[in-house]
C-alpha cells in the first residue's frame, strides 16, 4: 500500500467552485495518499520550475475539467503537457458545465473519468478516494516504463474512440461499410487475429 503523490490541475477561476483547498486537504489525510500538489503561485518567473518539480514528484494527476480549464486555460495545457512528458496517468474530474465529449479537445476521455459533485465535499472525496485506490491497484503508477506503455495504450484507445465518434468516420464507414463488415465477421469467426483485424481496419481507412 505505497502512498502516492497527486497533482491537481485546474483553471484559476475554478478554485472555489471545485473547492480545491478542501479537496486537497481531505485527500491528503487518506491512508494511501502522501501529498497533494497544486499551483497556487502568482509569481510567473518561478512557476515553470515549480510545476516541473512538483509534477515530476507525483504518480497521478487529477484534472478538474470545466469549460474554462478545457477551452481557455493555457496553464492547464502546459501542466497537462508536463504530466504527459512524465508518463503520468490523468484522471479527469468532470464539472457540471461541460459534457464528457468536451474532454476530446485535450485528448482525454470519460474512460478514466469521475464526475464532480457539489453536494458534500467530504462524501465526494470519500468516493473519489475509493476510485483512486482501485485505479492504483489496477495500474502500476511507480514504474515509469510500464506507465509509458499504459499511457500509449490509453492514448491509442482515446484516439480511436474520438475518431469513431467523429463525422469523418461516419462518412468513411458509410462508403466502405461492406469492407468493414467483412473484417468484423472474420474476427468474430476467429479467422483473423485481433492484430490482423487492426491492420486490416487501418488499411481500409487509408484507401
C-alpha atoms as a PDB file:
ATOM      1  CA  UNK A   1       0.000   0.000   0.000  1.00  0.00           C
ATOM      2  CA  UNK A   2       2.609   2.516  -1.093  1.00  0.00           C
ATOM      3  CA  UNK A   3       1.463   6.111  -0.736  1.00  0.00           C
ATOM      4  CA  UNK A   4       1.165   8.279  -3.818  1.00  0.00           C
ATOM      5  CA  UNK A   5       1.608  11.963  -4.558  1.00  0.00           C
ATOM      6  CA  UNK A   6      -1.166  13.588  -6.583  1.00  0.00           C
ATOM      7  CA  UNK A   7      -1.044  16.799  -8.606  1.00  0.00           C
ATOM      8  CA  UNK A   8      -4.288  18.710  -9.227  1.00  0.00           C
ATOM      9  CA  UNK A   9      -4.659  20.669 -12.474  1.00  0.00           C
ATOM     10  CA  UNK A  10      -7.395  23.299 -12.599  1.00  0.00           C
ATOM     11  CA  UNK A  11      -8.232  26.717 -14.019  1.00  0.00           C
ATOM     12  CA  UNK A  12      -7.685  29.562 -11.556  1.00  0.00           C
ATOM     13  CA  UNK A  13     -11.305  30.715 -11.809  1.00  0.00           C
ATOM     14  CA  UNK A  14     -12.453  27.224 -10.749  1.00  0.00           C
ATOM     15  CA  UNK A  15     -10.577  27.246  -7.432  1.00  0.00           C
ATOM     16  CA  UNK A  16     -13.704  27.915  -5.366  1.00  0.00           C
ATOM     17  CA  UNK A  17     -16.268  26.039  -7.450  1.00  0.00           C
ATOM     18  CA  UNK A  18     -14.219  22.824  -7.292  1.00  0.00           C
ATOM     19  CA  UNK A  19     -13.297  23.528  -3.646  1.00  0.00           C
ATOM     20  CA  UNK A  20      -9.653  22.806  -4.457  1.00  0.00           C
ATOM     21  CA  UNK A  21      -8.297  23.693  -0.998  1.00  0.00           C
ATOM     22  CA  UNK A  22     -10.791  21.441   0.779  1.00  0.00           C
ATOM     23  CA  UNK A  23     -10.351  18.702  -1.826  1.00  0.00           C
ATOM     24  CA  UNK A  24      -6.578  18.634  -1.367  1.00  0.00           C
ATOM     25  CA  UNK A  25      -6.742  18.764   2.436  1.00  0.00           C
ATOM     26  CA  UNK A  26      -9.244  15.911   2.690  1.00  0.00           C
ATOM     27  CA  UNK A  27      -7.454  13.666   0.186  1.00  0.00           C
ATOM     28  CA  UNK A  28      -4.107  14.296   1.850  1.00  0.00           C
ATOM     29  CA  UNK A  29      -5.435  12.728   5.063  1.00  0.00           C
ATOM     30  CA  UNK A  30      -6.312   9.472   3.313  1.00  0.00           C
ATOM     31  CA  UNK A  31      -4.263   6.396   4.127  1.00  0.00           C
ATOM     32  CA  UNK A  32      -2.727   5.804   0.695  1.00  0.00           C
ATOM     33  CA  UNK A  33      -2.097   9.452  -0.187  1.00  0.00           C
ATOM     34  CA  UNK A  34       1.203  11.050   0.760  1.00  0.00           C
ATOM     35  CA  UNK A  35       0.922  14.590  -0.574  1.00  0.00           C
ATOM     36  CA  UNK A  36      -1.309  16.715  -2.797  1.00  0.00           C
ATOM     37  CA  UNK A  37       0.277  19.365  -5.005  1.00  0.00           C
ATOM     38  CA  UNK A  38      -1.306  22.173  -6.983  1.00  0.00           C
ATOM     39  CA  UNK A  39      -0.143  25.513  -8.366  1.00  0.00           C
ATOM     40  CA  UNK A  40      -1.244  28.403  -6.174  1.00  0.00           C
ATOM     41  CA  UNK A  41       1.609  30.706  -7.140  1.00  0.00           C
ATOM     42  CA  UNK A  42       1.110  34.115  -8.692  1.00  0.00           C
ATOM     43  CA  UNK A  43       4.801  34.542  -9.485  1.00  0.00           C
ATOM     44  CA  UNK A  44       5.219  33.749 -13.173  1.00  0.00           C
ATOM     45  CA  UNK A  45       9.035  33.664 -13.017  1.00  0.00           C
ATOM     46  CA  UNK A  46       9.125  30.707 -10.617  1.00  0.00           C
ATOM     47  CA  UNK A  47       6.008  28.887 -11.814  1.00  0.00           C
ATOM     48  CA  UNK A  48       7.529  26.684 -14.534  1.00  0.00           C
ATOM     49  CA  UNK A  49      10.290  25.489 -12.218  1.00  0.00           C
ATOM     50  CA  UNK A  50       7.754  24.693  -9.500  1.00  0.00           C
ATOM     51  CA  UNK A  51       5.440  22.907 -11.927  1.00  0.00           C
ATOM     52  CA  UNK A  52       8.170  20.698 -13.365  1.00  0.00           C
ATOM     53  CA  UNK A  53       9.492  19.756  -9.921  1.00  0.00           C
ATOM     54  CA  UNK A  54       6.082  19.181  -8.314  1.00  0.00           C
ATOM     55  CA  UNK A  55       4.612  17.177 -11.180  1.00  0.00           C
ATOM     56  CA  UNK A  56       7.742  15.021 -11.514  1.00  0.00           C
ATOM     57  CA  UNK A  57       7.344  14.003  -7.854  1.00  0.00           C
ATOM     58  CA  UNK A  58       3.774  12.781  -8.400  1.00  0.00           C
ATOM     59  CA  UNK A  59       2.396   9.452  -9.549  1.00  0.00           C
ATOM     60  CA  UNK A  60      -1.084  10.605 -10.569  1.00  0.00           C
ATOM     61  CA  UNK A  61      -2.841  13.684 -11.982  1.00  0.00           C
ATOM     62  CA  UNK A  62      -6.352  14.929 -11.219  1.00  0.00           C
ATOM     63  CA  UNK A  63      -7.587  17.248 -13.956  1.00  0.00           C
ATOM     64  CA  UNK A  64     -10.575  19.344 -12.862  1.00  0.00           C
ATOM     65  CA  UNK A  65     -12.373  19.637 -16.169  1.00  0.00           C
ATOM     66  CA  UNK A  66     -14.562  22.676 -16.797  1.00  0.00           C
ATOM     67  CA  UNK A  67     -15.386  24.940 -19.725  1.00  0.00           C
ATOM     68  CA  UNK A  68     -12.618  27.265 -18.562  1.00  0.00           C
ATOM     69  CA  UNK A  69      -9.920  24.634 -17.992  1.00  0.00           C
ATOM     70  CA  UNK A  70     -10.626  22.889 -21.304  1.00  0.00           C
ATOM     71  CA  UNK A  71     -11.174  25.816 -23.651  1.00  0.00           C
ATOM     72  CA  UNK A  72      -9.476  28.867 -22.119  1.00  0.00           C
ATOM     73  CA  UNK A  73      -6.585  27.886 -19.859  1.00  0.00           C
ATOM     74  CA  UNK A  74      -3.048  27.899 -21.262  1.00  0.00           C
ATOM     75  CA  UNK A  75      -1.817  27.000 -17.789  1.00  0.00           C
ATOM     76  CA  UNK A  76      -3.823  23.762 -17.810  1.00  0.00           C
ATOM     77  CA  UNK A  77      -2.497  22.867 -21.256  1.00  0.00           C
ATOM     78  CA  UNK A  78       1.068  23.471 -20.033  1.00  0.00           C
ATOM     79  CA  UNK A  79       0.576  21.360 -16.908  1.00  0.00           C
ATOM     80  CA  UNK A  80      -1.005  18.515 -18.876  1.00  0.00           C
ATOM     81  CA  UNK A  81       1.962  18.562 -21.257  1.00  0.00           C
ATOM     82  CA  UNK A  82       4.416  18.271 -18.348  1.00  0.00           C
ATOM     83  CA  UNK A  83       2.348  15.422 -16.892  1.00  0.00           C
ATOM     84  CA  UNK A  84       2.392  13.543 -20.188  1.00  0.00           C
ATOM     85  CA  UNK A  85       6.132  14.094 -20.556  1.00  0.00           C
ATOM     86  CA  UNK A  86       6.448  12.348 -17.182  1.00  0.00           C
ATOM     87  CA  UNK A  87       4.199   9.459 -18.329  1.00  0.00           C
ATOM     88  CA  UNK A  88       1.654  10.170 -15.598  1.00  0.00           C
ATOM     89  CA  UNK A  89      -1.880   8.845 -15.675  1.00  0.00           C
ATOM     90  CA  UNK A  90      -4.512  11.594 -15.818  1.00  0.00           C
ATOM     91  CA  UNK A  91      -7.918  11.248 -14.147  1.00  0.00           C
ATOM     92  CA  UNK A  92     -10.413  13.830 -15.471  1.00  0.00           C
ATOM     93  CA  UNK A  93     -12.928  15.078 -12.894  1.00  0.00           C
ATOM     94  CA  UNK A  94     -15.854  16.431 -14.920  1.00  0.00           C
ATOM     95  CA  UNK A  95     -17.514  19.649 -13.824  1.00  0.00           C
ATOM     96  CA  UNK A  96     -21.182  20.422 -14.387  1.00  0.00           C
ATOM     97  CA  UNK A  97     -20.686  22.964 -17.198  1.00  0.00           C
ATOM     98  CA  UNK A  98     -19.253  20.528 -19.776  1.00  0.00           C
ATOM     99  CA  UNK A  99     -20.071  17.218 -21.420  1.00  0.00           C
ATOM    100  CA  UNK A 100     -17.776  14.198 -21.487  1.00  0.00           C
ATOM    101  CA  UNK A 101     -17.269  14.830 -25.201  1.00  0.00           C
ATOM    102  CA  UNK A 102     -15.611  18.174 -24.446  1.00  0.00           C
ATOM    103  CA  UNK A 103     -12.646  16.271 -22.991  1.00  0.00           C
ATOM    104  CA  UNK A 104     -11.681  15.164 -26.502  1.00  0.00           C
ATOM    105  CA  UNK A 105     -10.204  18.622 -27.107  1.00  0.00           C
ATOM    106  CA  UNK A 106      -7.401  17.798 -24.653  1.00  0.00           C
ATOM    107  CA  UNK A 107      -7.109  14.162 -25.809  1.00  0.00           C
ATOM    108  CA  UNK A 108      -8.861  12.893 -22.695  1.00  0.00           C
ATOM    109  CA  UNK A 109     -11.990  10.765 -22.377  1.00  0.00           C
ATOM    110  CA  UNK A 110     -14.515   9.572 -19.829  1.00  0.00           C
ATOM    111  CA  UNK A 111     -12.833   6.138 -19.675  1.00  0.00           C
ATOM    112  CA  UNK A 112     -10.872   7.155 -16.578  1.00  0.00           C
ATOM    113  CA  UNK A 113     -13.233   9.964 -15.654  1.00  0.00           C
ATOM    114  CA  UNK A 114     -15.034  10.764 -12.428  1.00  0.00           C
ATOM    115  CA  UNK A 115     -17.899  13.220 -12.035  1.00  0.00           C
ATOM    116  CA  UNK A 116     -17.669  16.111  -9.584  1.00  0.00           C
ATOM    117  CA  UNK A 117     -20.472  16.572  -7.067  1.00  0.00           C
ATOM    118  CA  UNK A 118     -21.095  19.735  -5.062  1.00  0.00           C
ATOM    119  CA  UNK A 119     -23.496  18.114  -2.611  1.00  0.00           C
ATOM    120  CA  UNK A 120     -20.889  17.298   0.043  1.00  0.00           C
ATOM    121  CA  UNK A 121     -17.157  17.691  -0.446  1.00  0.00           C
ATOM    122  CA  UNK A 122     -16.479  15.049   2.217  1.00  0.00           C
ATOM    123  CA  UNK A 123     -18.749  12.492   0.561  1.00  0.00           C
ATOM    124  CA  UNK A 124     -17.289  13.332  -2.844  1.00  0.00           C
ATOM    125  CA  UNK A 125     -13.721  12.896  -1.583  1.00  0.00           C
ATOM    126  CA  UNK A 126     -14.597   9.547   0.012  1.00  0.00           C
ATOM    127  CA  UNK A 127     -15.993   8.264  -3.294  1.00  0.00           C
ATOM    128  CA  UNK A 128     -13.110   9.712  -5.295  1.00  0.00           C
ATOM    129  CA  UNK A 129     -10.574   8.159  -2.924  1.00  0.00           C
ATOM    130  CA  UNK A 130     -12.154   4.710  -3.296  1.00  0.00           C
ATOM    131  CA  UNK A 131     -11.996   5.140  -7.069  1.00  0.00           C
ATOM    132  CA  UNK A 132      -8.337   6.205  -6.909  1.00  0.00           C
ATOM    133  CA  UNK A 133      -7.472   3.280  -4.639  1.00  0.00           C
ATOM    134  CA  UNK A 134      -8.933   0.810  -7.121  1.00  0.00           C
ATOM    135  CA  UNK A 135      -7.193   2.559 -10.010  1.00  0.00           C
ATOM    136  CA  UNK A 136      -3.920   2.353  -8.072  1.00  0.00           C
ATOM    137  CA  UNK A 137      -4.405  -1.400  -7.629  1.00  0.00           C
ATOM    138  CA  UNK A 138      -5.131  -1.892 -11.339  1.00  0.00           C
ATOM    139  CA  UNK A 139      -2.298   0.285 -12.671  1.00  0.00           C
ATOM    140  CA  UNK A 140       1.408   0.368 -11.877  1.00  0.00           C
ATOM    141  CA  UNK A 141       1.909   4.036 -11.017  1.00  0.00           C
ATOM    142  CA  UNK A 142       5.518   3.629  -9.877  1.00  0.00           C
ATOM    143  CA  UNK A 143       7.154   2.006 -12.928  1.00  0.00           C
ATOM    144  CA  UNK A 144       7.828   4.756 -15.473  1.00  0.00           C
ATOM    145  CA  UNK A 145       8.381   2.333 -18.378  1.00  0.00           C
ATOM    146  CA  UNK A 146       5.181   0.436 -17.645  1.00  0.00           C
ATOM    147  CA  UNK A 147       3.373   3.732 -17.144  1.00  0.00           C
ATOM    148  CA  UNK A 148       4.589   4.870 -20.557  1.00  0.00           C
ATOM    149  CA  UNK A 149       3.170   1.713 -22.156  1.00  0.00           C
ATOM    150  CA  UNK A 150      -0.106   2.192 -20.261  1.00  0.00           C
ATOM    151  CA  UNK A 151      -0.287   5.775 -21.494  1.00  0.00           C
ATOM    152  CA  UNK A 152       0.437   4.782 -25.094  1.00  0.00           C
ATOM    153  CA  UNK A 153      -2.285   2.140 -24.907  1.00  0.00           C
ATOM    154  CA  UNK A 154      -4.728   4.614 -23.386  1.00  0.00           C
ATOM    155  CA  UNK A 155      -3.833   7.342 -25.888  1.00  0.00           C
ATOM    156  CA  UNK A 156      -4.431   4.895 -28.742  1.00  0.00           C
ATOM    157  CA  UNK A 157      -7.804   3.896 -27.297  1.00  0.00           C
ATOM    158  CA  UNK A 158      -8.758   7.550 -26.864  1.00  0.00           C
ATOM    159  CA  UNK A 159      -7.658   8.411 -30.408  1.00  0.00           C
ATOM    160  CA  UNK A 160      -9.658   5.504 -31.855  1.00  0.00           C
ATOM    161  CA  UNK A 161     -12.668   6.393 -29.689  1.00  0.00           C
ATOM    162  CA  UNK A 162     -12.528  10.029 -30.768  1.00  0.00           C
ATOM    163  CA  UNK A 163     -12.210   9.069 -34.433  1.00  0.00           C
ATOM    164  CA  UNK A 164     -15.067   6.571 -34.253  1.00  0.00           C
ATOM    165  CA  UNK A 165     -17.270   9.328 -32.854  1.00  0.00           C
ATOM    166  CA  UNK A 166     -16.279  11.859 -35.499  1.00  0.00           C
ATOM    167  CA  UNK A 167     -18.166  12.847 -38.627  1.00  0.00           C
ATOM    168  CA  UNK A 168     -15.179  11.729 -40.731  1.00  0.00           C
ATOM    169  CA  UNK A 169     -15.574   8.128 -39.603  1.00  0.00           C
ATOM    170  CA  UNK A 170     -19.320   8.158 -40.271  1.00  0.00           C
ATOM    171  CA  UNK A 171     -18.626   9.237 -43.855  1.00  0.00           C
ATOM    172  CA  UNK A 172     -15.873   6.650 -44.402  1.00  0.00           C
ATOM    173  CA  UNK A 173     -17.879   3.873 -42.760  1.00  0.00           C
ATOM    174  CA  UNK A 174     -20.892   4.592 -44.962  1.00  0.00           C
ATOM    175  CA  UNK A 175     -18.709   4.496 -48.068  1.00  0.00           C
ATOM    176  CA  UNK A 176     -16.834   1.311 -47.102  1.00  0.00           C
ATOM    177  CA  UNK A 177     -19.303  -0.474 -44.845  1.00  0.00           C
ATOM    178  CA  UNK A 178     -19.160  -3.736 -46.843  1.00  0.00           C
ATOM    179  CA  UNK A 179     -15.374  -3.937 -46.334  1.00  0.00           C
ATOM    180  CA  UNK A 180     -15.709  -3.217 -42.611  1.00  0.00           C
ATOM    181  CA  UNK A 181     -18.472  -5.822 -42.306  1.00  0.00           C
ATOM    182  CA  UNK A 182     -16.198  -8.491 -43.815  1.00  0.00           C
ATOM    183  CA  UNK A 183     -13.373  -7.962 -41.333  1.00  0.00           C
ATOM    184  CA  UNK A 184     -15.821  -7.736 -38.403  1.00  0.00           C
ATOM    185  CA  UNK A 185     -17.224 -11.124 -39.431  1.00  0.00           C
ATOM    186  CA  UNK A 186     -13.744 -12.614 -39.865  1.00  0.00           C
ATOM    187  CA  UNK A 187     -12.567 -11.601 -36.407  1.00  0.00           C
ATOM    188  CA  UNK A 188     -15.877 -12.798 -34.911  1.00  0.00           C
ATOM    189  CA  UNK A 189     -15.322 -16.227 -36.524  1.00  0.00           C
ATOM    190  CA  UNK A 190     -11.680 -16.133 -35.355  1.00  0.00           C
ATOM    191  CA  UNK A 191     -10.454 -16.376 -38.937  1.00  0.00           C
ATOM    192  CA  UNK A 192      -8.101 -13.465 -38.267  1.00  0.00           C
ATOM    193  CA  UNK A 193      -6.320 -12.378 -35.086  1.00  0.00           C
ATOM    194  CA  UNK A 194      -7.010  -9.069 -33.303  1.00  0.00           C
ATOM    195  CA  UNK A 195      -3.670  -7.801 -34.666  1.00  0.00           C
ATOM    196  CA  UNK A 196      -4.677  -8.701 -38.231  1.00  0.00           C
ATOM    197  CA  UNK A 197      -8.045  -7.052 -37.645  1.00  0.00           C
ATOM    198  CA  UNK A 198      -6.341  -3.801 -36.629  1.00  0.00           C
ATOM    199  CA  UNK A 199      -4.042  -3.921 -39.665  1.00  0.00           C
ATOM    200  CA  UNK A 200      -6.984  -4.568 -41.998  1.00  0.00           C
ATOM    201  CA  UNK A 201      -9.007  -1.848 -40.301  1.00  0.00           C
ATOM    202  CA  UNK A 202      -6.174   0.638 -40.792  1.00  0.00           C
ATOM    203  CA  UNK A 203      -5.621  -0.317 -44.422  1.00  0.00           C
ATOM    204  CA  UNK A 204      -9.316   0.237 -45.219  1.00  0.00           C
ATOM    205  CA  UNK A 205      -9.158   3.708 -43.687  1.00  0.00           C
ATOM    206  CA  UNK A 206      -6.124   4.605 -45.818  1.00  0.00           C
ATOM    207  CA  UNK A 207      -7.652   3.573 -49.163  1.00  0.00           C
END
